[in-house]
Amino acid sequence: MADIAALTALIEPEAKALGFDLVRVAMFGGKSDPTLQIMAERPDTRQLDLSDCEALSRRVSEVLDASDPIEEAYRLEVSSPGIDRPLTRLQDFADWAGYDARLKLIEPVEGRKQFEARLNGLEGDTVKVYAERVGEMAIPYGQIVSAKLVLTDALIKATAPLSTEGADRISQEG
């Protein structure tokens, strides 16, 4: 399987050169259907549009083709992190304070490794959350295996597209 840290080191400068922040680099699908997933965003909007994805895909493809860091054939998937985005960087937990997230931990906290909680920001390298049955908790960032935002009405409102122009029109080519 591919070395994610090495891939990230190749991909991140390309994303930065286009003005994007890299959110996640991951390999999925195992041997049967390997897919290299790259999630990025514009720092000012936290979104990518289709032309942004195309530009990043082309640029990354050139670098990966030249260095050939993945032995087997694979698919490349470039996307925005979406509304219920993964929280992959420490700063994400501060940026999305006030919203609900689903967290998976290495070691249990209050007897649980998985739970939903409201993000309450950071204190150093510690993520502060509030969970219904447990109350306020402080979780070391290094204990979080994965986290992603939970789709709620408040999150949908906060992440509304910058422009919906044309969204109600159907294109018929023929």
N, C-alpha and C. Protein backbone atom coordinates (compact mmCIF):
# COMPACT_ATOMS: atom_id res chain seq x y z
N MET A 1 0.85 -1.19 0.00
CA MET A 1 0.00 0.00 0.00
C MET A 1 0.88 1.24 0.00
N ALA A 2 0.38 2.30 -0.50
CA ALA A 2 1.13 3.54 -0.66
C ALA A 2 1.43 4.20 0.69
N ASP A 3 2.52 4.92 0.75
CA ASP A 3 2.94 5.68 1.92
C ASP A 3 2.21 7.02 1.91
N ILE A 4 1.22 7.18 2.79
CA ILE A 4 0.38 8.38 2.80
C ILE A 4 1.20 9.63 3.13
N ALA A 5 2.15 9.52 4.05
CA ALA A 5 2.98 10.68 4.40
C ALA A 5 3.79 11.14 3.19
N ALA A 6 4.34 10.19 2.43
CA ALA A 6 5.12 10.54 1.24
C ALA A 6 4.21 11.15 0.17
N LEU A 7 3.02 10.59 0.00
CA LEU A 7 2.07 11.15 -0.97
C LEU A 7 1.66 12.57 -0.57
N THR A 8 1.40 12.76 0.71
CA THR A 8 1.02 14.08 1.20
C THR A 8 2.13 15.09 0.93
N ALA A 9 3.38 14.67 1.13
CA ALA A 9 4.52 15.56 0.89
C ALA A 9 4.62 15.95 -0.59
N LEU A 10 4.18 15.08 -1.49
CA LEU A 10 4.18 15.40 -2.92
C LEU A 10 2.98 16.29 -3.30
N ILE A 11 1.84 16.01 -2.69
CA ILE A 11 0.58 16.66 -3.08
C ILE A 11 0.41 18.04 -2.46
N GLU A 12 0.80 18.19 -1.20
CA GLU A 12 0.53 19.46 -0.50
C GLU A 12 1.12 20.69 -1.19
N PRO A 13 2.37 20.65 -1.67
CA PRO A 13 2.90 21.84 -2.36
C PRO A 13 2.10 22.20 -3.62
N GLU A 14 1.57 21.19 -4.29
CA GLU A 14 0.76 21.44 -5.49
C GLU A 14 -0.56 22.12 -5.12
N ALA A 15 -1.17 21.66 -4.04
CA ALA A 15 -2.42 22.29 -3.57
C ALA A 15 -2.14 23.73 -3.14
N LYS A 16 -1.08 23.93 -2.39
CA LYS A 16 -0.72 25.28 -1.93
C LYS A 16 -0.45 26.22 -3.11
N ALA A 17 0.22 25.71 -4.14
CA ALA A 17 0.54 26.53 -5.31
C ALA A 17 -0.73 27.04 -5.99
N LEU A 18 -1.82 26.30 -5.86
CA LEU A 18 -3.10 26.71 -6.43
C LEU A 18 -3.93 27.55 -5.45
N GLY A 19 -3.39 27.74 -4.24
CA GLY A 19 -4.10 28.53 -3.23
C GLY A 19 -5.04 27.71 -2.36
N PHE A 20 -4.88 26.39 -2.35
CA PHE A 20 -5.76 25.52 -1.59
C PHE A 20 -5.06 24.98 -0.34
N ASP A 21 -5.85 24.65 0.68
CA ASP A 21 -5.36 23.94 1.85
C ASP A 21 -5.72 22.47 1.68
N LEU A 22 -4.78 21.61 1.95
CA LEU A 22 -5.02 20.17 1.87
C LEU A 22 -5.75 19.73 3.13
N VAL A 23 -6.86 19.03 2.98
CA VAL A 23 -7.65 18.55 4.12
C VAL A 23 -7.30 17.10 4.43
N ARG A 24 -7.24 16.26 3.39
CA ARG A 24 -6.94 14.84 3.63
C ARG A 24 -6.39 14.19 2.38
N VAL A 25 -5.44 13.28 2.59
CA VAL A 25 -4.96 12.37 1.55
C VAL A 25 -5.15 10.98 2.13
N ALA A 26 -5.84 10.11 1.40
CA ALA A 26 -6.11 8.76 1.90
C ALA A 26 -6.20 7.78 0.73
N MET A 27 -5.90 6.53 1.02
CA MET A 27 -6.08 5.44 0.05
C MET A 27 -7.23 4.56 0.54
N PHE A 28 -8.15 4.25 -0.36
CA PHE A 28 -9.29 3.39 -0.05
C PHE A 28 -9.39 2.29 -1.07
N GLY A 29 -10.15 1.25 -0.76
CA GLY A 29 -10.47 0.24 -1.75
C GLY A 29 -9.57 -0.98 -1.75
N GLY A 30 -8.49 -0.97 -0.99
CA GLY A 30 -7.61 -2.14 -0.93
C GLY A 30 -7.02 -2.49 -2.28
N LYS A 31 -6.68 -3.75 -2.46
CA LYS A 31 -6.06 -4.23 -3.71
C LYS A 31 -7.05 -4.30 -4.87
N SER A 32 -8.34 -4.53 -4.56
CA SER A 32 -9.32 -4.74 -5.62
C SER A 32 -9.71 -3.45 -6.35
N ASP A 33 -9.75 -2.34 -5.63
CA ASP A 33 -10.19 -1.08 -6.24
C ASP A 33 -9.50 0.10 -5.56
N PRO A 34 -8.17 0.20 -5.69
CA PRO A 34 -7.47 1.28 -4.97
C PRO A 34 -7.84 2.67 -5.51
N THR A 35 -8.15 3.56 -4.58
CA THR A 35 -8.51 4.94 -4.91
C THR A 35 -7.70 5.87 -4.03
N LEU A 36 -7.01 6.81 -4.65
CA LEU A 36 -6.31 7.86 -3.92
C LEU A 36 -7.27 9.03 -3.81
N GLN A 37 -7.67 9.34 -2.58
CA GLN A 37 -8.61 10.43 -2.34
C GLN A 37 -7.84 11.65 -1.83
N ILE A 38 -8.08 12.78 -2.48
CA ILE A 38 -7.49 14.05 -2.06
C ILE A 38 -8.64 15.01 -1.80
N MET A 39 -8.69 15.54 -0.58
CA MET A 39 -9.67 16.57 -0.24
C MET A 39 -8.92 17.86 0.02
N ALA A 40 -9.41 18.94 -0.57
CA ALA A 40 -8.79 20.25 -0.39
C ALA A 40 -9.89 21.30 -0.31
N GLU A 41 -9.49 22.51 0.08
CA GLU A 41 -10.45 23.61 0.18
C GLU A 41 -9.74 24.94 -0.03
N ARG A 42 -10.52 25.92 -0.43
CA ARG A 42 -10.02 27.30 -0.47
C ARG A 42 -10.09 27.81 0.97
N PRO A 43 -9.03 28.41 1.49
CA PRO A 43 -9.04 28.86 2.88
C PRO A 43 -10.12 29.90 3.18
N ASP A 44 -10.45 30.73 2.20
CA ASP A 44 -11.43 31.79 2.45
C ASP A 44 -12.87 31.30 2.42
N THR A 45 -13.16 30.26 1.64
CA THR A 45 -14.54 29.78 1.51
C THR A 45 -14.76 28.39 2.10
N ARG A 46 -13.68 27.65 2.34
CA ARG A 46 -13.73 26.26 2.82
C ARG A 46 -14.47 25.36 1.83
N GLN A 47 -14.46 25.75 0.55
CA GLN A 47 -15.11 24.99 -0.50
C GLN A 47 -14.19 24.90 -1.71
N LEU A 48 -14.49 23.99 -2.60
CA LEU A 48 -13.87 23.92 -3.92
C LEU A 48 -14.99 23.79 -4.92
N ASP A 49 -14.84 24.41 -6.08
CA ASP A 49 -15.82 24.18 -7.13
C ASP A 49 -15.23 23.18 -8.12
N LEU A 50 -15.99 22.83 -9.12
CA LEU A 50 -15.56 21.82 -10.08
C LEU A 50 -14.27 22.20 -10.80
N SER A 51 -14.14 23.47 -11.17
CA SER A 51 -12.92 23.89 -11.87
C SER A 51 -11.71 23.81 -10.95
N ASP A 52 -11.90 24.05 -9.65
CA ASP A 52 -10.80 23.89 -8.68
C ASP A 52 -10.37 22.43 -8.61
N CYS A 53 -11.34 21.53 -8.55
CA CYS A 53 -11.04 20.10 -8.49
C CYS A 53 -10.29 19.65 -9.74
N GLU A 54 -10.74 20.14 -10.89
CA GLU A 54 -10.08 19.81 -12.16
C GLU A 54 -8.63 20.29 -12.16
N ALA A 55 -8.40 21.52 -11.72
CA ALA A 55 -7.05 22.09 -11.72
C ALA A 55 -6.13 21.30 -10.79
N LEU A 56 -6.62 20.97 -9.61
CA LEU A 56 -5.80 20.20 -8.67
C LEU A 56 -5.55 18.79 -9.19
N SER A 57 -6.56 18.18 -9.77
CA SER A 57 -6.42 16.84 -10.32
C SER A 57 -5.34 16.80 -11.40
N ARG A 58 -5.40 17.75 -12.32
CA ARG A 58 -4.39 17.79 -13.40
C ARG A 58 -2.99 17.99 -12.85
N ARG A 59 -2.86 18.92 -11.92
CA ARG A 59 -1.54 19.25 -11.37
C ARG A 59 -0.97 18.06 -10.59
N VAL A 60 -1.80 17.42 -9.77
CA VAL A 60 -1.35 16.27 -8.97
C VAL A 60 -1.05 15.09 -9.88
N SER A 61 -1.86 14.88 -10.90
CA SER A 61 -1.62 13.77 -11.83
C SER A 61 -0.24 13.87 -12.47
N GLU A 62 0.13 15.08 -12.87
CA GLU A 62 1.45 15.27 -13.49
C GLU A 62 2.57 14.89 -12.52
N VAL A 63 2.45 15.33 -11.28
CA VAL A 63 3.48 15.03 -10.27
C VAL A 63 3.53 13.54 -9.97
N LEU A 64 2.38 12.93 -9.81
CA LEU A 64 2.33 11.49 -9.49
C LEU A 64 2.81 10.65 -10.66
N ASP A 65 2.48 11.06 -11.88
CA ASP A 65 2.95 10.33 -13.06
C ASP A 65 4.47 10.41 -13.16
N ALA A 66 5.04 11.56 -12.83
CA ALA A 66 6.49 11.74 -12.93
C ALA A 66 7.25 10.96 -11.86
N SER A 67 6.72 10.95 -10.62
CA SER A 67 7.44 10.29 -9.52
C SER A 67 6.99 8.85 -9.30
N ASP A 68 5.80 8.49 -9.77
CA ASP A 68 5.25 7.13 -9.69
C ASP A 68 5.37 6.50 -8.29
N PRO A 69 4.81 7.17 -7.25
CA PRO A 69 4.95 6.65 -5.88
C PRO A 69 4.00 5.50 -5.52
N ILE A 70 3.03 5.22 -6.39
CA ILE A 70 2.06 4.15 -6.11
C ILE A 70 2.29 3.04 -7.13
N GLU A 71 2.64 1.84 -6.63
CA GLU A 71 3.03 0.74 -7.53
C GLU A 71 1.87 0.24 -8.38
N GLU A 72 0.72 0.01 -7.77
CA GLU A 72 -0.40 -0.57 -8.52
C GLU A 72 -1.21 0.52 -9.22
N ALA A 73 -2.07 0.09 -10.13
CA ALA A 73 -2.98 1.02 -10.78
C ALA A 73 -3.98 1.52 -9.74
N TYR A 74 -4.43 2.75 -9.88
CA TYR A 74 -5.36 3.33 -8.91
C TYR A 74 -6.20 4.41 -9.59
N ARG A 75 -7.28 4.77 -8.91
CA ARG A 75 -8.11 5.89 -9.36
C ARG A 75 -7.76 7.10 -8.52
N LEU A 76 -7.82 8.28 -9.11
CA LEU A 76 -7.59 9.52 -8.39
C LEU A 76 -8.93 10.22 -8.20
N GLU A 77 -9.23 10.58 -6.96
CA GLU A 77 -10.46 11.27 -6.63
C GLU A 77 -10.09 12.58 -5.93
N VAL A 78 -10.45 13.70 -6.51
CA VAL A 78 -10.17 15.00 -5.93
C VAL A 78 -11.51 15.66 -5.63
N SER A 79 -11.68 16.14 -4.38
CA SER A 79 -12.96 16.72 -4.01
C SER A 79 -12.81 17.75 -2.90
N SER A 80 -13.89 18.47 -2.71
CA SER A 80 -14.06 19.34 -1.55
C SER A 80 -14.40 18.42 -0.38
N PRO A 81 -14.14 18.82 0.85
CA PRO A 81 -14.47 17.96 1.98
C PRO A 81 -15.97 17.78 2.21
N GLY A 82 -16.79 18.62 1.64
CA GLY A 82 -18.24 18.47 1.79
C GLY A 82 -18.75 19.04 3.10
N ILE A 83 -20.05 18.96 3.27
CA ILE A 83 -20.67 19.54 4.47
C ILE A 83 -20.29 18.76 5.72
N ASP A 84 -20.46 17.45 5.69
CA ASP A 84 -20.14 16.65 6.87
C ASP A 84 -18.68 16.20 6.79
N ARG A 85 -17.82 17.16 6.65
CA ARG A 85 -16.40 17.03 6.40
C ARG A 85 -15.65 16.29 7.50
N PRO A 86 -14.55 15.64 7.12
CA PRO A 86 -13.69 15.06 8.14
C PRO A 86 -12.90 16.18 8.82
N LEU A 87 -12.63 16.00 10.08
CA LEU A 87 -11.81 16.93 10.84
C LEU A 87 -10.45 16.26 10.98
N THR A 88 -9.48 16.72 10.21
CA THR A 88 -8.20 16.02 10.11
C THR A 88 -7.03 16.80 10.71
N ARG A 89 -7.24 18.09 10.94
CA ARG A 89 -6.17 18.94 11.46
C ARG A 89 -6.60 19.50 12.81
N LEU A 90 -5.66 19.72 13.69
CA LEU A 90 -5.97 20.25 15.02
C LEU A 90 -6.83 21.51 14.91
N GLN A 91 -6.46 22.40 14.02
CA GLN A 91 -7.18 23.67 13.88
C GLN A 91 -8.64 23.48 13.49
N ASP A 92 -8.97 22.37 12.81
CA ASP A 92 -10.36 22.10 12.43
C ASP A 92 -11.28 22.09 13.64
N PHE A 93 -10.78 21.60 14.77
CA PHE A 93 -11.61 21.49 15.97
C PHE A 93 -11.93 22.87 16.55
N ALA A 94 -11.05 23.83 16.33
CA ALA A 94 -11.33 25.21 16.75
C ALA A 94 -12.23 25.90 15.72
N ASP A 95 -11.90 25.69 14.44
CA ASP A 95 -12.66 26.34 13.37
C ASP A 95 -14.13 25.95 13.38
N TRP A 96 -14.42 24.73 13.77
CA TRP A 96 -15.80 24.24 13.74
C TRP A 96 -16.42 24.16 15.13
N ALA A 97 -15.88 24.91 16.08
CA ALA A 97 -16.46 24.96 17.43
C ALA A 97 -17.92 25.41 17.33
N GLY A 98 -18.76 24.78 18.14
CA GLY A 98 -20.18 25.10 18.13
C GLY A 98 -20.99 24.13 17.29
N TYR A 99 -20.33 23.27 16.53
CA TYR A 99 -21.03 22.29 15.69
C TYR A 99 -20.81 20.89 16.26
N ASP A 100 -21.69 19.97 15.88
CA ASP A 100 -21.61 18.59 16.36
C ASP A 100 -20.68 17.77 15.49
N ALA A 101 -19.97 16.84 16.14
CA ALA A 101 -19.05 15.96 15.43
C ALA A 101 -19.17 14.54 15.98
N ARG A 102 -18.85 13.59 15.13
CA ARG A 102 -18.78 12.18 15.51
C ARG A 102 -17.29 11.87 15.65
N LEU A 103 -16.89 11.41 16.83
CA LEU A 103 -15.48 11.15 17.12
C LEU A 103 -15.25 9.67 17.40
N LYS A 104 -14.09 9.17 16.93
CA LYS A 104 -13.64 7.82 17.24
C LYS A 104 -12.27 7.96 17.89
N LEU A 105 -12.10 7.29 19.03
CA LEU A 105 -10.88 7.44 19.82
C LEU A 105 -10.05 6.17 19.87
N ILE A 106 -8.78 6.31 20.18
CA ILE A 106 -7.89 5.16 20.36
C ILE A 106 -8.25 4.44 21.65
N GLU A 107 -8.33 5.20 22.74
CA GLU A 107 -8.65 4.66 24.06
C GLU A 107 -10.00 5.20 24.51
N PRO A 108 -10.76 4.42 25.26
CA PRO A 108 -12.07 4.91 25.72
C PRO A 108 -11.94 6.13 26.65
N VAL A 109 -12.89 7.04 26.52
CA VAL A 109 -13.06 8.15 27.45
C VAL A 109 -14.45 7.99 28.03
N GLU A 110 -14.54 7.98 29.33
CA GLU A 110 -15.82 7.73 30.00
C GLU A 110 -16.45 6.43 29.49
N GLY A 111 -15.58 5.43 29.22
CA GLY A 111 -16.04 4.10 28.82
C GLY A 111 -16.45 3.96 27.36
N ARG A 112 -16.22 4.99 26.54
CA ARG A 112 -16.65 4.92 25.14
C ARG A 112 -15.53 5.34 24.20
N LYS A 113 -15.45 4.63 23.08
CA LYS A 113 -14.48 4.99 22.04
C LYS A 113 -15.12 5.80 20.92
N GLN A 114 -16.45 5.78 20.81
CA GLN A 114 -17.16 6.51 19.76
C GLN A 114 -18.31 7.27 20.38
N PHE A 115 -18.48 8.50 19.95
CA PHE A 115 -19.60 9.29 20.42
C PHE A 115 -19.78 10.54 19.59
N GLU A 116 -20.96 11.15 19.74
CA GLU A 116 -21.23 12.45 19.13
C GLU A 116 -21.14 13.49 20.22
N ALA A 117 -20.57 14.64 19.88
CA ALA A 117 -20.41 15.71 20.86
C ALA A 117 -20.38 17.06 20.16
N ARG A 118 -20.67 18.09 20.89
CA ARG A 118 -20.55 19.46 20.40
C ARG A 118 -19.10 19.89 20.58
N LEU A 119 -18.49 20.42 19.52
CA LEU A 119 -17.11 20.90 19.61
C LEU A 119 -17.08 22.23 20.36
N ASN A 120 -16.20 22.31 21.36
CA ASN A 120 -16.09 23.54 22.15
C ASN A 120 -14.72 24.19 22.02
N GLY A 121 -13.97 23.83 20.98
CA GLY A 121 -12.69 24.48 20.72
C GLY A 121 -11.50 23.71 21.24
N LEU A 122 -10.39 24.42 21.35
CA LEU A 122 -9.12 23.82 21.75
C LEU A 122 -8.58 24.48 22.99
N GLU A 123 -7.78 23.71 23.71
CA GLU A 123 -6.95 24.23 24.79
C GLU A 123 -5.59 23.58 24.58
N GLY A 124 -4.70 24.28 23.87
CA GLY A 124 -3.42 23.69 23.51
C GLY A 124 -3.65 22.59 22.48
N ASP A 125 -3.18 21.36 22.79
CA ASP A 125 -3.39 20.20 21.92
C ASP A 125 -4.55 19.33 22.41
N THR A 126 -5.43 19.92 23.18
CA THR A 126 -6.58 19.19 23.72
C THR A 126 -7.87 19.71 23.10
N VAL A 127 -8.67 18.78 22.62
CA VAL A 127 -9.96 19.13 22.01
C VAL A 127 -11.01 19.12 23.11
N LYS A 128 -11.73 20.22 23.22
CA LYS A 128 -12.80 20.31 24.22
C LYS A 128 -14.13 20.03 23.54
N VAL A 129 -14.93 19.16 24.16
CA VAL A 129 -16.23 18.80 23.62
C VAL A 129 -17.25 18.71 24.74
N TYR A 130 -18.51 18.73 24.34
CA TYR A 130 -19.61 18.51 25.28
C TYR A 130 -20.48 17.39 24.71
N ALA A 131 -20.61 16.30 25.48
CA ALA A 131 -21.45 15.17 25.07
C ALA A 131 -22.64 15.09 26.03
N GLU A 132 -23.82 14.84 25.50
CA GLU A 132 -25.07 14.83 26.27
C GLU A 132 -24.97 14.10 27.62
N ARG A 133 -24.68 12.83 27.59
CA ARG A 133 -24.74 12.03 28.82
C ARG A 133 -23.51 12.16 29.71
N VAL A 134 -22.44 12.71 29.16
CA VAL A 134 -21.17 12.76 29.89
C VAL A 134 -20.84 14.17 30.36
N GLY A 135 -21.23 15.17 29.59
CA GLY A 135 -20.89 16.55 29.92
C GLY A 135 -19.62 16.99 29.21
N GLU A 136 -18.95 17.96 29.79
CA GLU A 136 -17.73 18.53 29.22
C GLU A 136 -16.59 17.53 29.31
N MET A 137 -15.84 17.38 28.21
CA MET A 137 -14.68 16.48 28.18
C MET A 137 -13.52 17.17 27.49
N ALA A 138 -12.32 16.76 27.87
CA ALA A 138 -11.10 17.24 27.23
C ALA A 138 -10.39 16.01 26.68
N ILE A 139 -10.19 15.98 25.36
CA ILE A 139 -9.62 14.81 24.70
C ILE A 139 -8.31 15.21 24.04
N PRO A 140 -7.21 14.56 24.40
CA PRO A 140 -5.95 14.86 23.70
C PRO A 140 -6.11 14.58 22.20
N TYR A 141 -5.66 15.53 21.37
CA TYR A 141 -5.80 15.40 19.93
C TYR A 141 -5.22 14.07 19.42
N GLY A 142 -4.12 13.64 19.98
CA GLY A 142 -3.48 12.39 19.57
C GLY A 142 -4.31 11.15 19.85
N GLN A 143 -5.35 11.26 20.65
CA GLN A 143 -6.22 10.13 20.95
C GLN A 143 -7.36 9.98 19.94
N ILE A 144 -7.50 10.95 19.05
CA ILE A 144 -8.61 10.91 18.09
C ILE A 144 -8.16 10.18 16.82
N VAL A 145 -8.83 9.05 16.55
CA VAL A 145 -8.55 8.27 15.35
C VAL A 145 -9.17 8.94 14.13
N SER A 146 -10.43 9.34 14.27
CA SER A 146 -11.13 10.03 13.20
C SER A 146 -12.24 10.89 13.79
N ALA A 147 -12.60 11.92 13.03
CA ALA A 147 -13.69 12.80 13.45
C ALA A 147 -14.28 13.42 12.19
N LYS A 148 -15.58 13.64 12.24
CA LYS A 148 -16.24 14.32 11.12
C LYS A 148 -17.45 15.06 11.65
N LEU A 149 -17.80 16.13 10.96
CA LEU A 149 -18.95 16.90 11.35
C LEU A 149 -20.23 16.09 11.11
N VAL A 150 -21.22 16.33 11.96
CA VAL A 150 -22.52 15.68 11.83
C VAL A 150 -23.44 16.66 11.09
N LEU A 151 -24.15 16.15 10.11
CA LEU A 151 -25.05 16.97 9.31
C LEU A 151 -26.23 17.44 10.16
N THR A 152 -26.31 18.73 10.40
CA THR A 152 -27.41 19.34 11.16
C THR A 152 -27.91 20.55 10.38
N ASP A 153 -29.08 21.06 10.76
CA ASP A 153 -29.60 22.27 10.10
C ASP A 153 -28.63 23.44 10.26
N ALA A 154 -28.05 23.58 11.45
CA ALA A 154 -27.11 24.69 11.70
C ALA A 154 -25.88 24.57 10.79
N LEU A 155 -25.39 23.36 10.59
CA LEU A 155 -24.23 23.15 9.73
C LEU A 155 -24.58 23.45 8.27
N ILE A 156 -25.75 23.00 7.83
CA ILE A 156 -26.19 23.27 6.46
C ILE A 156 -26.26 24.77 6.22
N LYS A 157 -26.82 25.50 7.17
CA LYS A 157 -26.94 26.95 7.04
C LYS A 157 -25.55 27.60 6.99
N ALA A 158 -24.64 27.13 7.80
CA ALA A 158 -23.29 27.72 7.88
C ALA A 158 -22.45 27.42 6.65
N THR A 159 -22.76 26.35 5.93
CA THR A 159 -21.94 25.94 4.80
C THR A 159 -22.67 26.07 3.47
N ALA A 160 -23.68 26.91 3.42
CA ALA A 160 -24.43 27.12 2.19
C ALA A 160 -23.48 27.53 1.08
N PRO A 161 -23.74 27.07 -0.15
CA PRO A 161 -22.86 27.45 -1.26
C PRO A 161 -22.79 28.97 -1.42
N LEU A 162 -21.66 29.43 -1.91
CA LEU A 162 -21.49 30.87 -2.13
C LEU A 162 -22.42 31.37 -3.21
N SER A 163 -22.74 30.53 -4.18
CA SER A 163 -23.62 30.93 -5.26
C SER A 163 -24.47 29.73 -5.65
N THR A 164 -25.74 29.95 -5.80
CA THR A 164 -26.64 28.90 -6.28
C THR A 164 -27.14 29.22 -7.68
N GLU A 165 -26.52 30.21 -8.31
CA GLU A 165 -26.94 30.63 -9.65
C GLU A 165 -26.90 29.43 -10.60
N GLY A 166 -28.00 29.20 -11.27
CA GLY A 166 -28.08 28.12 -12.24
C GLY A 166 -28.49 26.79 -11.65
N ALA A 167 -28.60 26.71 -10.33
CA ALA A 167 -28.92 25.43 -9.71
C ALA A 167 -30.33 24.96 -10.04
N ASP A 168 -31.20 25.88 -10.42
CA ASP A 168 -32.58 25.50 -10.71
C ASP A 168 -32.83 25.29 -12.21
N ARG A 169 -31.79 25.42 -13.02
CA ARG A 169 -31.93 25.24 -14.46
C ARG A 169 -31.46 23.84 -14.87
N ILE A 170 -32.15 23.26 -15.82
CA ILE A 170 -31.75 21.96 -16.35
C ILE A 170 -31.14 22.20 -17.73
N SER A 171 -29.96 21.65 -17.90
CA SER A 171 -29.28 21.80 -19.17
C SER A 171 -29.63 20.61 -20.05
N GLN A 172 -30.10 20.90 -21.27
CA GLN A 172 -30.41 19.81 -22.22
C GLN A 172 -29.55 20.02 -23.46
N GLU A 173 -28.58 19.14 -23.58
CA GLU A 173 -27.71 19.22 -24.75
C GLU A 173 -28.08 18.06 -25.66
N GLY A 174 -27.95 18.26 -26.92
CA GLY A 174 -28.28 17.13 -27.76
C GLY A 174 -28.07 17.42 -29.14
